[in-house]
Structures are given as C-alpha cells and as structure tokens.
N, C-alpha and C. Protein backbone atom coordinates (compact mmCIF):
# COMPACT_ATOMS: atom_id res chain seq x y z
N MET A 1 -14.32 0.85 -22.49
CA MET A 1 -13.64 1.99 -21.90
C MET A 1 -12.42 2.29 -22.76
N SER A 2 -12.20 3.56 -23.00
CA SER A 2 -11.07 3.93 -23.83
C SER A 2 -9.76 3.78 -23.05
N LEU A 3 -8.70 3.66 -23.79
CA LEU A 3 -7.38 3.48 -23.20
C LEU A 3 -7.00 4.68 -22.32
N PHE A 4 -7.38 5.88 -22.75
CA PHE A 4 -7.06 7.07 -21.96
C PHE A 4 -7.77 7.05 -20.61
N LYS A 5 -9.05 6.69 -20.60
CA LYS A 5 -9.80 6.63 -19.34
C LYS A 5 -9.22 5.57 -18.41
N LEU A 6 -8.85 4.44 -18.96
CA LEU A 6 -8.24 3.38 -18.17
C LEU A 6 -6.92 3.83 -17.57
N PHE A 7 -6.09 4.48 -18.36
CA PHE A 7 -4.80 4.98 -17.88
C PHE A 7 -4.99 6.06 -16.82
N ALA A 8 -5.91 6.98 -17.04
CA ALA A 8 -6.15 8.06 -16.08
C ALA A 8 -6.69 7.50 -14.76
N THR A 9 -7.56 6.53 -14.84
CA THR A 9 -8.09 5.91 -13.63
C THR A 9 -6.99 5.19 -12.86
N GLY A 10 -6.12 4.50 -13.56
CA GLY A 10 -4.99 3.83 -12.92
C GLY A 10 -4.06 4.80 -12.21
N ILE A 11 -3.76 5.91 -12.83
CA ILE A 11 -2.90 6.94 -12.22
C ILE A 11 -3.57 7.51 -10.98
N LEU A 12 -4.86 7.79 -11.05
CA LEU A 12 -5.59 8.35 -9.91
C LEU A 12 -5.60 7.38 -8.74
N VAL A 13 -5.91 6.12 -9.00
CA VAL A 13 -5.97 5.13 -7.93
C VAL A 13 -4.59 4.92 -7.32
N ALA A 14 -3.55 4.87 -8.13
CA ALA A 14 -2.19 4.69 -7.62
C ALA A 14 -1.76 5.87 -6.75
N SER A 15 -2.06 7.08 -7.18
CA SER A 15 -1.64 8.25 -6.39
C SER A 15 -2.41 8.33 -5.08
N LEU A 16 -3.70 8.01 -5.09
CA LEU A 16 -4.46 8.01 -3.85
C LEU A 16 -3.98 6.90 -2.91
N GLY A 17 -3.68 5.76 -3.46
CA GLY A 17 -3.19 4.65 -2.65
C GLY A 17 -1.85 4.95 -2.00
N LEU A 18 -0.95 5.56 -2.76
CA LEU A 18 0.37 5.87 -2.21
C LEU A 18 0.32 6.99 -1.18
N SER A 19 -0.53 7.97 -1.39
CA SER A 19 -0.62 9.06 -0.42
C SER A 19 -1.30 8.60 0.87
N GLY A 20 -2.13 7.61 0.79
CA GLY A 20 -2.79 7.09 1.98
C GLY A 20 -1.85 6.36 2.93
N CYS A 21 -0.72 5.90 2.42
CA CYS A 21 0.23 5.14 3.23
C CYS A 21 1.32 6.01 3.85
N SER A 22 1.29 7.30 3.61
CA SER A 22 2.41 8.15 4.05
C SER A 22 2.52 8.27 5.56
N GLY A 23 1.41 8.22 6.28
CA GLY A 23 1.46 8.37 7.72
C GLY A 23 1.42 7.06 8.48
N MET A 24 1.54 5.95 7.78
CA MET A 24 1.43 4.65 8.42
C MET A 24 2.78 4.18 8.96
N SER A 25 2.72 3.44 10.06
CA SER A 25 3.94 2.87 10.61
C SER A 25 4.34 1.65 9.78
N ARG A 26 5.52 1.14 10.06
CA ARG A 26 6.02 -0.05 9.36
C ARG A 26 5.09 -1.24 9.61
N GLN A 27 4.61 -1.35 10.83
CA GLN A 27 3.74 -2.46 11.18
C GLN A 27 2.37 -2.33 10.49
N ASP A 28 1.86 -1.11 10.39
CA ASP A 28 0.60 -0.89 9.69
C ASP A 28 0.72 -1.27 8.21
N LYS A 29 1.82 -0.88 7.59
CA LYS A 29 2.05 -1.22 6.19
C LYS A 29 2.16 -2.73 6.01
N GLY A 30 2.82 -3.41 6.95
CA GLY A 30 2.91 -4.87 6.89
C GLY A 30 1.56 -5.54 7.02
N THR A 31 0.70 -4.99 7.86
CA THR A 31 -0.65 -5.53 8.04
C THR A 31 -1.45 -5.38 6.75
N VAL A 32 -1.39 -4.21 6.14
CA VAL A 32 -2.13 -3.96 4.90
C VAL A 32 -1.61 -4.85 3.77
N ALA A 33 -0.29 -4.95 3.66
CA ALA A 33 0.28 -5.78 2.61
C ALA A 33 -0.08 -7.25 2.82
N GLY A 34 -0.02 -7.71 4.04
CA GLY A 34 -0.40 -9.09 4.34
C GLY A 34 -1.86 -9.36 4.03
N ALA A 35 -2.72 -8.41 4.35
CA ALA A 35 -4.14 -8.58 4.06
C ALA A 35 -4.40 -8.63 2.56
N ALA A 36 -3.70 -7.80 1.81
CA ALA A 36 -3.87 -7.80 0.35
C ALA A 36 -3.41 -9.12 -0.26
N VAL A 37 -2.24 -9.58 0.15
CA VAL A 37 -1.71 -10.84 -0.37
C VAL A 37 -2.60 -12.01 0.06
N GLY A 38 -3.03 -12.00 1.31
CA GLY A 38 -3.90 -13.06 1.81
C GLY A 38 -5.25 -13.09 1.11
N GLY A 39 -5.80 -11.93 0.82
CA GLY A 39 -7.07 -11.87 0.09
C GLY A 39 -6.95 -12.43 -1.31
N VAL A 40 -5.88 -12.07 -1.99
CA VAL A 40 -5.66 -12.61 -3.34
C VAL A 40 -5.45 -14.12 -3.27
N ALA A 41 -4.65 -14.58 -2.32
CA ALA A 41 -4.41 -16.02 -2.19
C ALA A 41 -5.69 -16.78 -1.87
N GLY A 42 -6.51 -16.24 -0.98
CA GLY A 42 -7.77 -16.88 -0.65
C GLY A 42 -8.71 -16.95 -1.84
N ASN A 43 -8.73 -15.91 -2.64
CA ASN A 43 -9.58 -15.90 -3.83
C ASN A 43 -9.08 -16.89 -4.87
N VAL A 44 -7.77 -17.01 -5.02
CA VAL A 44 -7.22 -17.95 -5.99
C VAL A 44 -7.46 -19.39 -5.55
N LEU A 45 -7.33 -19.65 -4.25
CA LEU A 45 -7.46 -21.02 -3.77
C LEU A 45 -8.87 -21.57 -3.89
N CYS A 46 -9.89 -20.78 -3.51
CA CYS A 46 -11.25 -21.35 -3.61
C CYS A 46 -12.25 -20.41 -4.26
N GLY A 47 -11.89 -19.18 -4.54
CA GLY A 47 -12.69 -18.31 -5.38
C GLY A 47 -14.00 -17.78 -4.84
N GLY A 48 -14.21 -17.78 -3.56
CA GLY A 48 -15.45 -17.23 -3.02
C GLY A 48 -15.18 -16.03 -2.14
N VAL A 49 -16.25 -15.33 -1.81
CA VAL A 49 -16.14 -14.15 -0.95
C VAL A 49 -15.65 -14.56 0.45
N LEU A 50 -16.15 -15.67 0.94
CA LEU A 50 -15.75 -16.14 2.27
C LEU A 50 -14.26 -16.47 2.31
N CYS A 51 -13.77 -17.14 1.29
CA CYS A 51 -12.34 -17.49 1.24
C CYS A 51 -11.47 -16.25 1.08
N THR A 52 -11.93 -15.30 0.30
CA THR A 52 -11.17 -14.06 0.13
C THR A 52 -11.08 -13.31 1.45
N GLY A 53 -12.19 -13.20 2.15
CA GLY A 53 -12.20 -12.53 3.46
C GLY A 53 -11.34 -13.25 4.48
N ALA A 54 -11.45 -14.57 4.51
CA ALA A 54 -10.65 -15.34 5.46
C ALA A 54 -9.16 -15.21 5.14
N GLY A 55 -8.82 -15.23 3.87
CA GLY A 55 -7.42 -15.06 3.46
C GLY A 55 -6.89 -13.68 3.84
N ALA A 56 -7.73 -12.66 3.70
CA ALA A 56 -7.32 -11.30 4.07
C ALA A 56 -7.09 -11.18 5.57
N VAL A 57 -7.96 -11.81 6.35
CA VAL A 57 -7.80 -11.76 7.81
C VAL A 57 -6.52 -12.47 8.23
N VAL A 58 -6.32 -13.68 7.71
CA VAL A 58 -5.13 -14.45 8.08
C VAL A 58 -3.87 -13.73 7.60
N GLY A 59 -3.88 -13.21 6.38
CA GLY A 59 -2.73 -12.48 5.86
C GLY A 59 -2.45 -11.22 6.65
N GLY A 60 -3.49 -10.51 7.09
CA GLY A 60 -3.30 -9.31 7.89
C GLY A 60 -2.67 -9.61 9.24
N VAL A 61 -3.12 -10.70 9.86
CA VAL A 61 -2.54 -11.09 11.15
C VAL A 61 -1.08 -11.49 10.98
N ILE A 62 -0.78 -12.25 9.94
CA ILE A 62 0.61 -12.66 9.69
C ILE A 62 1.48 -11.44 9.39
N GLY A 63 1.00 -10.55 8.55
CA GLY A 63 1.76 -9.33 8.23
C GLY A 63 1.99 -8.47 9.45
N HIS A 64 0.99 -8.40 10.32
CA HIS A 64 1.11 -7.62 11.56
C HIS A 64 2.18 -8.20 12.48
N GLU A 65 2.16 -9.52 12.62
CA GLU A 65 3.11 -10.18 13.53
C GLU A 65 4.53 -10.21 12.97
N VAL A 66 4.67 -10.36 11.66
CA VAL A 66 6.00 -10.43 11.06
C VAL A 66 6.71 -9.09 11.17
N THR A 67 5.97 -7.99 11.06
CA THR A 67 6.60 -6.66 11.08
C THR A 67 6.62 -6.04 12.48
N LYS A 68 6.28 -6.81 13.50
CA LYS A 68 6.29 -6.30 14.88
C LYS A 68 7.72 -5.97 15.30
N ASP A 69 7.88 -4.87 16.02
CA ASP A 69 9.21 -4.49 16.52
C ASP A 69 9.71 -5.53 17.50
N LYS A 70 10.95 -5.90 17.35
CA LYS A 70 11.54 -6.88 18.25
C LYS A 70 12.24 -6.13 19.39
N LYS A 71 11.76 -6.32 20.61
CA LYS A 71 12.33 -5.59 21.75
C LYS A 71 12.98 -6.54 22.70
C-alpha cells in the first residue's frame, strides 16, 4: 500500500471515529474507552479472540462504572 493511501485511510478513520463520539455522554465515552483498553490488554496478555473479547467486556464495565455520575 502506498504511503498516500495509508495516510488518507488514517485521516478518514480518525474523522469518522471522532464524529461518532459527538453525541455521546461522558459515561458512554468512558465505556467505549474502557472496552478499547480492555480489548488491547486482553489481546496482549493471552493473544486470542476469547481473551480480547473478555478484556473488552471487563474494560467496558470498568469504564462504565468509573465514569458514573456520583449523586
């Protein structure tokens, strides 16, 4: 793949990703961020699809609970 195509694809993905988060609440963003970090951590720790999915679920739950409004 040429450098231009790689750069253009990166810009497109970044702009779509950022525009998708514009209507999300703080808690929703925390859930998504937690799921992303958990998925990466699960993949690094044991490298399988099951571990990646489990890490994403656990990370999403933690991100959801950490960013919950305190009332």
